[in-house]
Amino acid sequence: MDKISLTIDVSKIDKTKIVDREFTTKDGQVIKSKDLKLDVVPVKEPKLIKEGDTWEMWKTHFVAMEQTKEERENKVKSVILGDGIMFKKKFAETQEVAEEINPEDIPF
């Protein structure tokens, strides 16, 4: 399973965009929450940040405040809050194993 870890600079959050929400569950319990809508957007070119012997850390996404239709139409610049990072295993070990298999040994 691929996992994306997000790091967000909470000091950049526009507090006016936090919305109070209230809803009732099926069993009648009233739930109150404070919601903030964010966009997680893939970058055009993932960037290798760091690597070890068996892993790589890639910047694959960025996190931005969600924009309203009016903000998009008025070309208001997005507020970037942070990055999305993915850790990936290196495949060097798998490639070495694949080279050791003799195709004649495969029974089909």
PDB file of N, CA and C in Angstrom:
ATOM      1  N   MET A   1       0.839  -1.183   0.000  1.00  0.00           N
ATOM      2  CA  MET A   1       0.000   0.000   0.000  1.00  0.00           C
ATOM      3  C   MET A   1       0.882   1.243   0.000  1.00  0.00           C
ATOM      4  N   ASP A   2       0.568   2.167  -0.889  1.00  0.00           N
ATOM      5  CA  ASP A   2       1.274   3.445  -0.914  1.00  0.00           C
ATOM      6  C   ASP A   2       0.629   4.384   0.085  1.00  0.00           C
ATOM      7  N   LYS A   3       1.465   5.075   0.815  1.00  0.00           N
ATOM      8  CA  LYS A   3       0.984   6.031   1.810  1.00  0.00           C
ATOM      9  C   LYS A   3       1.600   7.378   1.498  1.00  0.00           C
ATOM     10  N   ILE A   4       0.786   8.425   1.587  1.00  0.00           N
ATOM     11  CA  ILE A   4       1.266   9.785   1.403  1.00  0.00           C
ATOM     12  C   ILE A   4       1.223  10.465   2.761  1.00  0.00           C
ATOM     13  N   SER A   5       2.368  10.971   3.214  1.00  0.00           N
ATOM     14  CA  SER A   5       2.445  11.708   4.473  1.00  0.00           C
ATOM     15  C   SER A   5       2.396  13.198   4.171  1.00  0.00           C
ATOM     16  N   LEU A   6       1.503  13.906   4.867  1.00  0.00           N
ATOM     17  CA  LEU A   6       1.353  15.341   4.644  1.00  0.00           C
ATOM     18  C   LEU A   6       1.986  16.118   5.780  1.00  0.00           C
ATOM     19  N   THR A   7       2.662  17.206   5.445  1.00  0.00           N
ATOM     20  CA  THR A   7       3.181  18.152   6.420  1.00  0.00           C
ATOM     21  C   THR A   7       2.561  19.498   6.100  1.00  0.00           C
ATOM     22  N   ILE A   8       1.846  20.063   7.083  1.00  0.00           N
ATOM     23  CA  ILE A   8       1.110  21.300   6.862  1.00  0.00           C
ATOM     24  C   ILE A   8       1.592  22.370   7.830  1.00  0.00           C
ATOM     25  N   ASP A   9       1.860  23.561   7.306  1.00  0.00           N
ATOM     26  CA  ASP A   9       2.208  24.717   8.127  1.00  0.00           C
ATOM     27  C   ASP A   9       0.900  25.349   8.582  1.00  0.00           C
ATOM     28  N   VAL A  10       0.446  25.022   9.784  1.00  0.00           N
ATOM     29  CA  VAL A  10      -0.868  25.473  10.261  1.00  0.00           C
ATOM     30  C   VAL A  10      -0.927  26.986  10.469  1.00  0.00           C
ATOM     31  N   SER A  11       0.216  27.650  10.565  1.00  0.00           N
ATOM     32  CA  SER A  11       0.198  29.113  10.725  1.00  0.00           C
ATOM     33  C   SER A  11      -0.291  29.807   9.452  1.00  0.00           C
ATOM     34  N   LYS A  12      -0.295  29.102   8.319  1.00  0.00           N
ATOM     35  CA  LYS A  12      -0.755  29.684   7.055  1.00  0.00           C
ATOM     36  C   LYS A  12      -2.258  29.498   6.828  1.00  0.00           C
ATOM     37  N   ILE A  13      -2.943  28.773   7.712  1.00  0.00           N
ATOM     38  CA  ILE A  13      -4.368  28.514   7.531  1.00  0.00           C
ATOM     39  C   ILE A  13      -5.172  29.787   7.784  1.00  0.00           C
ATOM     40  N   ASP A  14      -6.025  30.101   6.840  1.00  0.00           N
ATOM     41  CA  ASP A  14      -6.951  31.227   6.982  1.00  0.00           C
ATOM     42  C   ASP A  14      -8.093  30.747   7.880  1.00  0.00           C
ATOM     43  N   LYS A  15      -8.137  31.241   9.105  1.00  0.00           N
ATOM     44  CA  LYS A  15      -9.108  30.777  10.108  1.00  0.00           C
ATOM     45  C   LYS A  15     -10.550  31.035   9.680  1.00  0.00           C
ATOM     46  N   THR A  16     -10.775  32.018   8.790  1.00  0.00           N
ATOM     47  CA  THR A  16     -12.142  32.301   8.333  1.00  0.00           C
ATOM     48  C   THR A  16     -12.687  31.191   7.448  1.00  0.00           C
ATOM     49  N   LYS A  17     -11.805  30.309   6.958  1.00  0.00           N
ATOM     50  CA  LYS A  17     -12.233  29.205   6.087  1.00  0.00           C
ATOM     51  C   LYS A  17     -12.653  27.973   6.896  1.00  0.00           C
ATOM     52  N   ILE A  18     -12.474  28.024   8.221  1.00  0.00           N
ATOM     53  CA  ILE A  18     -12.903  26.908   9.070  1.00  0.00           C
ATOM     54  C   ILE A  18     -14.408  27.042   9.285  1.00  0.00           C
ATOM     55  N   VAL A  19     -15.145  25.997   8.936  1.00  0.00           N
ATOM     56  CA  VAL A  19     -16.604  26.032   8.946  1.00  0.00           C
ATOM     57  C   VAL A  19     -17.135  25.141  10.068  1.00  0.00           C
ATOM     58  N   ASP A  20     -18.086  25.688  10.860  1.00  0.00           N
ATOM     59  CA  ASP A  20     -18.769  24.883  11.872  1.00  0.00           C
ATOM     60  C   ASP A  20     -19.822  24.036  11.170  1.00  0.00           C
ATOM     61  N   ARG A  21     -19.861  22.759  11.539  1.00  0.00           N
ATOM     62  CA  ARG A  21     -20.819  21.845  10.912  1.00  0.00           C
ATOM     63  C   ARG A  21     -21.476  21.018  12.001  1.00  0.00           C
ATOM     64  N   GLU A  22     -22.744  20.754  11.822  1.00  0.00           N
ATOM     65  CA  GLU A  22     -23.480  19.938  12.782  1.00  0.00           C
ATOM     66  C   GLU A  22     -24.351  18.964  12.007  1.00  0.00           C
ATOM     67  N   PHE A  23     -24.334  17.705  12.431  1.00  0.00           N
ATOM     68  CA  PHE A  23     -25.177  16.709  11.783  1.00  0.00           C
ATOM     69  C   PHE A  23     -25.636  15.685  12.812  1.00  0.00           C
ATOM     70  N   THR A  24     -26.675  14.960  12.459  1.00  0.00           N
ATOM     71  CA  THR A  24     -27.246  13.955  13.347  1.00  0.00           C
ATOM     72  C   THR A  24     -26.991  12.575  12.757  1.00  0.00           C
ATOM     73  N   THR A  25     -26.473  11.664  13.573  1.00  0.00           N
ATOM     74  CA  THR A  25     -26.215  10.301  13.120  1.00  0.00           C
ATOM     75  C   THR A  25     -27.527   9.520  13.047  1.00  0.00           C
ATOM     76  N   LYS A  26     -27.473   8.324  12.496  1.00  0.00           N
ATOM     77  CA  LYS A  26     -28.663   7.480  12.361  1.00  0.00           C
ATOM     78  C   LYS A  26     -29.299   7.170  13.713  1.00  0.00           C
ATOM     79  N   ASP A  27     -28.470   7.084  14.750  1.00  0.00           N
ATOM     80  CA  ASP A  27     -29.026   6.777  16.073  1.00  0.00           C
ATOM     81  C   ASP A  27     -29.431   8.033  16.854  1.00  0.00           C
ATOM     82  N   GLY A  28     -29.463   9.192  16.186  1.00  0.00           N
ATOM     83  CA  GLY A  28     -29.965  10.410  16.796  1.00  0.00           C
ATOM     84  C   GLY A  28     -28.948  11.248  17.543  1.00  0.00           C
ATOM     85  N   GLN A  29     -27.686  10.857  17.521  1.00  0.00           N
ATOM     86  CA  GLN A  29     -26.644  11.610  18.218  1.00  0.00           C
ATOM     87  C   GLN A  29     -26.240  12.828  17.379  1.00  0.00           C
ATOM     88  N   VAL A  30     -26.196  14.000  17.997  1.00  0.00           N
ATOM     89  CA  VAL A  30     -25.805  15.235  17.314  1.00  0.00           C
ATOM     90  C   VAL A  30     -24.284  15.371  17.396  1.00  0.00           C
ATOM     91  N   ILE A  31     -23.664  15.526  16.249  1.00  0.00           N
ATOM     92  CA  ILE A  31     -22.211  15.657  16.151  1.00  0.00           C
ATOM     93  C   ILE A  31     -21.892  17.067  15.660  1.00  0.00           C
ATOM     94  N   LYS A  32     -20.970  17.731  16.345  1.00  0.00           N
ATOM     95  CA  LYS A  32     -20.503  19.052  15.928  1.00  0.00           C
ATOM     96  C   LYS A  32     -19.034  18.930  15.531  1.00  0.00           C
ATOM     97  N   SER A  33     -18.670  19.587  14.437  1.00  0.00           N
ATOM     98  CA  SER A  33     -17.275  19.557  14.005  1.00  0.00           C
ATOM     99  C   SER A  33     -16.892  20.897  13.402  1.00  0.00           C
ATOM    100  N   LYS A  34     -15.612  21.134  13.304  1.00  0.00           N
ATOM    101  CA  LYS A  34     -15.065  22.301  12.623  1.00  0.00           C
ATOM    102  C   LYS A  34     -14.285  21.747  11.435  1.00  0.00           C
ATOM    103  N   ASP A  35     -14.710  22.101  10.242  1.00  0.00           N
ATOM    104  CA  ASP A  35     -14.140  21.534   9.025  1.00  0.00           C
ATOM    105  C   ASP A  35     -13.316  22.566   8.264  1.00  0.00           C
ATOM    106  N   LEU A  36     -12.269  22.068   7.623  1.00  0.00           N
ATOM    107  CA  LEU A  36     -11.423  22.878   6.762  1.00  0.00           C
ATOM    108  C   LEU A  36     -11.182  22.072   5.495  1.00  0.00           C
ATOM    109  N   LYS A  37     -11.555  22.610   4.369  1.00  0.00           N
ATOM    110  CA  LYS A  37     -11.375  21.900   3.107  1.00  0.00           C
ATOM    111  C   LYS A  37     -10.012  22.255   2.515  1.00  0.00           C
ATOM    112  N   LEU A  38      -9.276  21.217   2.166  1.00  0.00           N
ATOM    113  CA  LEU A  38      -7.951  21.360   1.565  1.00  0.00           C
ATOM    114  C   LEU A  38      -7.911  20.584   0.264  1.00  0.00           C
ATOM    115  N   ASP A  39      -7.010  20.959  -0.607  1.00  0.00           N
ATOM    116  CA  ASP A  39      -6.765  20.226  -1.844  1.00  0.00           C
ATOM    117  C   ASP A  39      -5.382  19.599  -1.763  1.00  0.00           C
ATOM    118  N   VAL A  40      -5.298  18.328  -2.116  1.00  0.00           N
ATOM    119  CA  VAL A  40      -4.017  17.637  -2.231  1.00  0.00           C
ATOM    120  C   VAL A  40      -3.817  17.401  -3.728  1.00  0.00           C
ATOM    121  N   VAL A  41      -2.776  18.039  -4.279  1.00  0.00           N
ATOM    122  CA  VAL A  41      -2.577  18.072  -5.726  1.00  0.00           C
ATOM    123  C   VAL A  41      -1.254  17.399  -6.080  1.00  0.00           C
ATOM    124  N   PRO A  42      -1.266  16.466  -7.056  1.00  0.00           N
ATOM    125  CA  PRO A  42      -0.003  15.862  -7.475  1.00  0.00           C
ATOM    126  C   PRO A  42       0.877  16.887  -8.185  1.00  0.00           C
ATOM    127  N   VAL A  43       2.189  16.820  -7.930  1.00  0.00           N
ATOM    128  CA  VAL A  43       3.121  17.711  -8.627  1.00  0.00           C
ATOM    129  C   VAL A  43       3.340  17.182 -10.040  1.00  0.00           C
ATOM    130  N   LYS A  44       3.739  18.056 -10.953  1.00  0.00           N
ATOM    131  CA  LYS A  44       3.958  17.635 -12.339  1.00  0.00           C
ATOM    132  C   LYS A  44       5.125  16.663 -12.448  1.00  0.00           C
ATOM    133  N   GLU A  45       6.180  16.950 -11.726  1.00  0.00           N
ATOM    134  CA  GLU A  45       7.375  16.103 -11.739  1.00  0.00           C
ATOM    135  C   GLU A  45       7.738  15.754 -10.299  1.00  0.00           C
ATOM    136  N   PRO A  46       7.515  14.496  -9.861  1.00  0.00           N
ATOM    137  CA  PRO A  46       7.942  14.121  -8.501  1.00  0.00           C
ATOM    138  C   PRO A  46       9.432  14.398  -8.319  1.00  0.00           C
ATOM    139  N   LYS A  47       9.799  14.801  -7.090  1.00  0.00           N
ATOM    140  CA  LYS A  47      11.186  15.183  -6.813  1.00  0.00           C
ATOM    141  C   LYS A  47      11.753  14.278  -5.734  1.00  0.00           C
ATOM    142  N   LEU A  48      12.901  13.660  -6.025  1.00  0.00           N
ATOM    143  CA  LEU A  48      13.593  12.824  -5.043  1.00  0.00           C
ATOM    144  C   LEU A  48      14.209  13.737  -3.990  1.00  0.00           C
ATOM    145  N   ILE A  49      13.833  13.529  -2.726  1.00  0.00           N
ATOM    146  CA  ILE A  49      14.309  14.385  -1.643  1.00  0.00           C
ATOM    147  C   ILE A  49      15.481  13.744  -0.917  1.00  0.00           C
ATOM    148  N   LYS A  50      15.345  12.450  -0.642  1.00  0.00           N
ATOM    149  CA  LYS A  50      16.363  11.750   0.144  1.00  0.00           C
ATOM    150  C   LYS A  50      16.272  10.270  -0.173  1.00  0.00           C
ATOM    151  N   GLU A  51      17.388   9.551   0.016  1.00  0.00           N
ATOM    152  CA  GLU A  51      17.344   8.107  -0.204  1.00  0.00           C
ATOM    153  C   GLU A  51      18.306   7.380   0.717  1.00  0.00           C
ATOM    154  N   GLY A  52      17.974   6.138   0.979  1.00  0.00           N
ATOM    155  CA  GLY A  52      18.822   5.254   1.767  1.00  0.00           C
ATOM    156  C   GLY A  52      19.172   4.037   0.924  1.00  0.00           C
ATOM    157  N   ASP A  53      19.667   2.991   1.575  1.00  0.00           N
ATOM    158  CA  ASP A  53      20.052   1.789   0.835  1.00  0.00           C
ATOM    159  C   ASP A  53      18.857   1.096   0.192  1.00  0.00           C
ATOM    160  N   THR A  54      17.726   1.071   0.881  1.00  0.00           N
ATOM    161  CA  THR A  54      16.574   0.310   0.403  1.00  0.00           C
ATOM    162  C   THR A  54      15.327   1.164   0.169  1.00  0.00           C
ATOM    163  N   TRP A  55      15.412   2.482   0.347  1.00  0.00           N
ATOM    164  CA  TRP A  55      14.228   3.338   0.251  1.00  0.00           C
ATOM    165  C   TRP A  55      14.562   4.672  -0.404  1.00  0.00           C
ATOM    166  N   GLU A  56      13.497   5.329  -0.864  1.00  0.00           N
ATOM    167  CA  GLU A  56      13.594   6.677  -1.428  1.00  0.00           C
ATOM    168  C   GLU A  56      12.436   7.505  -0.882  1.00  0.00           C
ATOM    169  N   MET A  57      12.672   8.791  -0.669  1.00  0.00           N
ATOM    170  CA  MET A  57      11.635   9.705  -0.204  1.00  0.00           C
ATOM    171  C   MET A  57      11.383  10.724  -1.324  1.00  0.00           C
ATOM    172  N   TRP A  58      10.142  10.765  -1.819  1.00  0.00           N
ATOM    173  CA  TRP A  58       9.782  11.606  -2.952  1.00  0.00           C
ATOM    174  C   TRP A  58       8.739  12.643  -2.565  1.00  0.00           C
ATOM    175  N   LYS A  59       8.906  13.874  -3.051  1.00  0.00           N
ATOM    176  CA  LYS A  59       7.850  14.889  -2.941  1.00  0.00           C
ATOM    177  C   LYS A  59       6.942  14.651  -4.143  1.00  0.00           C
ATOM    178  N   THR A  60       5.690  14.247  -3.872  1.00  0.00           N
ATOM    179  CA  THR A  60       4.781  13.867  -4.935  1.00  0.00           C
ATOM    180  C   THR A  60       3.537  14.756  -5.026  1.00  0.00           C
ATOM    181  N   HIS A  61       3.244  15.501  -3.953  1.00  0.00           N
ATOM    182  CA  HIS A  61       2.028  16.305  -3.889  1.00  0.00           C
ATOM    183  C   HIS A  61       2.303  17.622  -3.153  1.00  0.00           C
ATOM    184  N   PHE A  62       1.372  18.539  -3.267  1.00  0.00           N
ATOM    185  CA  PHE A  62       1.377  19.696  -2.383  1.00  0.00           C
ATOM    186  C   PHE A  62      -0.032  19.882  -1.839  1.00  0.00           C
ATOM    187  N   VAL A  63      -0.121  20.563  -0.701  1.00  0.00           N
ATOM    188  CA  VAL A  63      -1.395  20.787  -0.021  1.00  0.00           C
ATOM    189  C   VAL A  63      -1.710  22.275  -0.080  1.00  0.00           C
ATOM    190  N   ALA A  64      -2.930  22.603  -0.505  1.00  0.00           N
ATOM    191  CA  ALA A  64      -3.333  24.003  -0.632  1.00  0.00           C
ATOM    192  C   ALA A  64      -4.725  24.191  -0.045  1.00  0.00           C
ATOM    193  N   MET A  65      -5.005  25.426   0.360  1.00  0.00           N
ATOM    194  CA  MET A  65      -6.359  25.773   0.792  1.00  0.00           C
ATOM    195  C   MET A  65      -7.286  25.622  -0.414  1.00  0.00           C
ATOM    196  N   GLU A  66      -8.469  25.077  -0.188  1.00  0.00           N
ATOM    197  CA  GLU A  66      -9.436  24.968  -1.268  1.00  0.00           C
ATOM    198  C   GLU A  66      -9.867  26.369  -1.692  1.00  0.00           C
ATOM    199  N   GLN A  67      -9.993  26.587  -3.001  1.00  0.00           N
ATOM    200  CA  GLN A  67     -10.423  27.885  -3.513  1.00  0.00           C
ATOM    201  C   GLN A  67     -11.882  27.838  -3.934  1.00  0.00           C
ATOM    202  N   THR A  68     -12.564  28.958  -3.747  1.00  0.00           N
ATOM    203  CA  THR A  68     -13.939  29.082  -4.229  1.00  0.00           C
ATOM    204  C   THR A  68     -13.913  29.337  -5.734  1.00  0.00           C
ATOM    205  N   LYS A  69     -15.065  29.182  -6.359  1.00  0.00           N
ATOM    206  CA  LYS A  69     -15.175  29.453  -7.790  1.00  0.00           C
ATOM    207  C   LYS A  69     -14.785  30.901  -8.097  1.00  0.00           C
ATOM    208  N   GLU A  70     -15.223  31.810  -7.227  1.00  0.00           N
ATOM    209  CA  GLU A  70     -14.915  33.226  -7.426  1.00  0.00           C
ATOM    210  C   GLU A  70     -13.412  33.486  -7.327  1.00  0.00           C
ATOM    211  N   GLU A  71     -12.757  32.840  -6.379  1.00  0.00           N
ATOM    212  CA  GLU A  71     -11.301  33.012  -6.232  1.00  0.00           C
ATOM    213  C   GLU A  71     -10.575  32.498  -7.470  1.00  0.00           C
ATOM    214  N   ARG A  72     -11.026  31.363  -7.998  1.00  0.00           N
ATOM    215  CA  ARG A  72     -10.391  30.830  -9.214  1.00  0.00           C
ATOM    216  C   ARG A  72     -10.619  31.772 -10.401  1.00  0.00           C
ATOM    217  N   GLU A  73     -11.861  32.284 -10.539  1.00  0.00           N
ATOM    218  CA  GLU A  73     -12.174  33.193 -11.647  1.00  0.00           C
ATOM    219  C   GLU A  73     -11.366  34.484 -11.568  1.00  0.00           C
ATOM    220  N   ASN A  74     -11.125  34.971 -10.340  1.00  0.00           N
ATOM    221  CA  ASN A  74     -10.348  36.201 -10.149  1.00  0.00           C
ATOM    222  C   ASN A  74      -8.849  35.935 -10.078  1.00  0.00           C
ATOM    223  N   LYS A  75      -8.467  34.707 -10.344  1.00  0.00           N
ATOM    224  CA  LYS A  75      -7.061  34.279 -10.377  1.00  0.00           C
ATOM    225  C   LYS A  75      -6.313  34.624  -9.091  1.00  0.00           C
ATOM    226  N   VAL A  76      -7.000  34.415  -7.945  1.00  0.00           N
ATOM    227  CA  VAL A  76      -6.361  34.601  -6.646  1.00  0.00           C
ATOM    228  C   VAL A  76      -5.343  33.478  -6.473  1.00  0.00           C
ATOM    229  N   LYS A  77      -4.149  33.847  -6.052  1.00  0.00           N
ATOM    230  CA  LYS A  77      -3.081  32.867  -5.883  1.00  0.00           C
ATOM    231  C   LYS A  77      -3.426  31.886  -4.758  1.00  0.00           C
ATOM    232  N   SER A  78      -3.195  30.594  -5.013  1.00  0.00           N
ATOM    233  CA  SER A  78      -3.456  29.553  -4.010  1.00  0.00           C
ATOM    234  C   SER A  78      -2.524  29.707  -2.820  1.00  0.00           C
ATOM    235  N   VAL A  79      -3.048  29.383  -1.632  1.00  0.00           N
ATOM    236  CA  VAL A  79      -2.223  29.378  -0.430  1.00  0.00           C
ATOM    237  C   VAL A  79      -1.697  27.953  -0.253  1.00  0.00           C
ATOM    238  N   ILE A  80      -0.403  27.779  -0.447  1.00  0.00           N
ATOM    239  CA  ILE A  80       0.226  26.466  -0.308  1.00  0.00           C
ATOM    240  C   ILE A  80       0.558  26.254   1.163  1.00  0.00           C
ATOM    241  N   LEU A  81       0.021  25.187   1.730  1.00  0.00           N
ATOM    242  CA  LEU A  81       0.211  24.911   3.153  1.00  0.00           C
ATOM    243  C   LEU A  81       1.321  23.899   3.434  1.00  0.00           C
ATOM    244  N   GLY A  82       1.640  23.073   2.472  1.00  0.00           N
ATOM    245  CA  GLY A  82       2.656  22.065   2.741  1.00  0.00           C
ATOM    246  C   GLY A  82       2.847  21.097   1.590  1.00  0.00           C
ATOM    247  N   ASP A  83       3.490  19.972   1.914  1.00  0.00           N
ATOM    248  CA  ASP A  83       3.892  18.985   0.918  1.00  0.00           C
ATOM    249  C   ASP A  83       3.335  17.615   1.232  1.00  0.00           C
ATOM    250  N   GLY A  84       3.237  16.809   0.193  1.00  0.00           N
ATOM    251  CA  GLY A  84       2.913  15.393   0.324  1.00  0.00           C
ATOM    252  C   GLY A  84       4.138  14.582  -0.047  1.00  0.00           C
ATOM    253  N   ILE A  85       4.531  13.695   0.848  1.00  0.00           N
ATOM    254  CA  ILE A  85       5.751  12.899   0.672  1.00  0.00           C
ATOM    255  C   ILE A  85       5.396  11.413   0.613  1.00  0.00           C
ATOM    256  N   MET A  86       6.045  10.680  -0.284  1.00  0.00           N
ATOM    257  CA  MET A  86       5.867   9.229  -0.363  1.00  0.00           C
ATOM    258  C   MET A  86       7.212   8.543  -0.172  1.00  0.00           C
ATOM    259  N   PHE A  87       7.191   7.462   0.595  1.00  0.00           N
ATOM    260  CA  PHE A  87       8.371   6.613   0.731  1.00  0.00           C
ATOM    261  C   PHE A  87       8.190   5.429  -0.195  1.00  0.00           C
ATOM    262  N   LYS A  88       9.236   5.103  -0.949  1.00  0.00           N
ATOM    263  CA  LYS A  88       9.181   3.976  -1.873  1.00  0.00           C
ATOM    264  C   LYS A  88      10.383   3.072  -1.636  1.00  0.00           C
ATOM    265  N   LYS A  89      10.158   1.783  -1.781  1.00  0.00           N
ATOM    266  CA  LYS A  89      11.252   0.821  -1.693  1.00  0.00           C
ATOM    267  C   LYS A  89      12.001   0.816  -3.012  1.00  0.00           C
ATOM    268  N   LYS A  90      13.312   0.653  -2.921  1.00  0.00           N
ATOM    269  CA  LYS A  90      14.107   0.518  -4.135  1.00  0.00           C
ATOM    270  C   LYS A  90      13.935  -0.898  -4.662  1.00  0.00           C
ATOM    271  N   PHE A  91      13.983  -1.059  -5.971  1.00  0.00           N
ATOM    272  CA  PHE A  91      13.748  -2.361  -6.573  1.00  0.00           C
ATOM    273  C   PHE A  91      15.028  -3.092  -6.957  1.00  0.00           C
ATOM    274  N   ALA A  92      16.171  -2.614  -6.513  1.00  0.00           N
ATOM    275  CA  ALA A  92      17.445  -3.238  -6.883  1.00  0.00           C
ATOM    276  C   ALA A  92      17.487  -4.696  -6.452  1.00  0.00           C
ATOM    277  N   GLU A  93      16.987  -5.000  -5.257  1.00  0.00           N
ATOM    278  CA  GLU A  93      16.998  -6.375  -4.761  1.00  0.00           C
ATOM    279  C   GLU A  93      16.150  -7.272  -5.648  1.00  0.00           C
ATOM    280  N   THR A  94      14.987  -6.807  -6.076  1.00  0.00           N
ATOM    281  CA  THR A  94      14.086  -7.582  -6.914  1.00  0.00           C
ATOM    282  C   THR A  94      14.721  -7.837  -8.275  1.00  0.00           C
ATOM    283  N   GLN A  95      15.410  -6.838  -8.821  1.00  0.00           N
ATOM    284  CA  GLN A  95      16.034  -6.998 -10.123  1.00  0.00           C
ATOM    285  C   GLN A  95      17.139  -8.045 -10.073  1.00  0.00           C
ATOM    286  N   GLU A  96      17.900  -8.081  -8.994  1.00  0.00           N
ATOM    287  CA  GLU A  96      18.960  -9.084  -8.867  1.00  0.00           C
ATOM    288  C   GLU A  96      18.373 -10.483  -8.842  1.00  0.00           C
ATOM    289  N   VAL A  97      17.281 -10.681  -8.138  1.00  0.00           N
ATOM    290  CA  VAL A  97      16.639 -11.993  -8.058  1.00  0.00           C
ATOM    291  C   VAL A  97      16.121 -12.397  -9.430  1.00  0.00           C
ATOM    292  N   ALA A  98      15.536 -11.464 -10.172  1.00  0.00           N
ATOM    293  CA  ALA A  98      14.988 -11.765 -11.485  1.00  0.00           C
ATOM    294  C   ALA A  98      16.090 -12.215 -12.437  1.00  0.00           C
ATOM    295  N   GLU A  99      17.278 -11.668 -12.313  1.00  0.00           N
ATOM    296  CA  GLU A  99      18.383 -12.043 -13.191  1.00  0.00           C
ATOM    297  C   GLU A  99      18.890 -13.452 -12.890  1.00  0.00           C
ATOM    298  N   GLU A 100      18.727 -13.919 -11.646  1.00  0.00           N
ATOM    299  CA  GLU A 100      19.210 -15.230 -11.268  1.00  0.00           C
ATOM    300  C   GLU A 100      18.312 -16.378 -11.760  1.00  0.00           C
ATOM    301  N   ILE A 101      17.077 -16.074 -12.148  1.00  0.00           N
ATOM    302  CA  ILE A 101      16.149 -17.105 -12.600  1.00  0.00           C
ATOM    303  C   ILE A 101      16.464 -17.480 -14.024  1.00  0.00           C
ATOM    304  N   ASN A 102      16.642 -18.765 -14.255  1.00  0.00           N
ATOM    305  CA  ASN A 102      16.936 -19.273 -15.598  1.00  0.00           C
ATOM    306  C   ASN A 102      15.594 -19.561 -16.263  1.00  0.00           C
ATOM    307  N   PRO A 103      15.297 -18.946 -17.405  1.00  0.00           N
ATOM    308  CA  PRO A 103      14.009 -19.174 -18.081  1.00  0.00           C
ATOM    309  C   PRO A 103      13.741 -20.652 -18.398  1.00  0.00           C
ATOM    310  N   GLU A 104      14.781 -21.444 -18.586  1.00  0.00           N
ATOM    311  CA  GLU A 104      14.600 -22.870 -18.886  1.00  0.00           C
ATOM    312  C   GLU A 104      14.093 -23.651 -17.671  1.00  0.00           C
ATOM    313  N   ASP A 105      14.251 -23.085 -16.474  1.00  0.00           N
ATOM    314  CA  ASP A 105      13.783 -23.740 -15.252  1.00  0.00           C
ATOM    315  C   ASP A 105      12.276 -23.544 -15.018  1.00  0.00           C
ATOM    316  N   ILE A 106      11.650 -22.678 -15.778  1.00  0.00           N
ATOM    317  CA  ILE A 106      10.216 -22.408 -15.607  1.00  0.00           C
ATOM    318  C   ILE A 106       9.437 -23.508 -16.307  1.00  0.00           C
ATOM    319  N   PRO A 107       8.515 -24.200 -15.594  1.00  0.00           N
ATOM    320  CA  PRO A 107       7.854 -25.385 -16.151  1.00  0.00           C
ATOM    321  C   PRO A 107       6.759 -25.086 -17.189  1.00  0.00           C
ATOM    322  N   PHE A 108       6.444 -23.853 -17.474  1.00  0.00           N
ATOM    323  CA  PHE A 108       5.372 -23.585 -18.441  1.00  0.00           C
ATOM    324  C   PHE A 108       5.853 -22.721 -19.569  1.00  0.00           C
TER     325      PHE A 108
END
